[in-house]
Amino acid sequence: MASVAVVLGSIRPGRAGEQVVRWIEEQSLRLEGVTPIFIDLRDYNLPFFAEEIPPSMQAPTLPEAVRLRTNIEALDAVVFVTPEYNHSISGVLKNAIDYLPPATLKDKAVGLVGYSWHGGGAALGHLREIIATLGAAIAEQQVSINLGSDFQDGVFAPSEELGVQIRELLASLA
């Protein structure tokens, strides 16, 4: 059984990402051997990263940073779900990643899911670069969700094709 952290990179009220995470959880039930664990950055009180020593030299000791690191390290794989803000990932997601020592994601299987009016492509590209720097084993396949065509009146209505994509991504991580 593979445990997969599903990290939501948005803390905004009314965020579309929460529907995406719930859908990922539902899709994982269609796979044998995958257990998703929702990690909501809204539940972590991480101030802007301002440690004196970078995480590559010393793991941050801030209790919330330790809790995030411990929760991610305890799981077999990670799926980062990111909105696209100004052609990049959200500040809250980048800040959370900045608190992780490279060893947290080194060789860990990582999948990427992005959403925006253009499918989150720019954000996914930036996230891929950031995560690669930490030595993660990033899946080639990524899932892009369009806020226009994959949502109807604010409700996530994914196609079966998206379902196949996320199940393939999760299976590859497991």
Foldseek 3Di string as FASTA:
>chain_A
DFEEEEEEQDDDVLDLVVLVVVVLQVLCVVDPPYHYDYDYLNPADQDQDDDPDFLQVPQDPDVSLVVLLVVLQVGQAYEYEAEADPLAGDPSVVRSLRNHHLVSQAQGEYAYAYEEQVQSVSHRVRVVVSNVVSNHPYDPQYHGYHPVPQADPSHGNHDVVSSVSSSVSSVVND
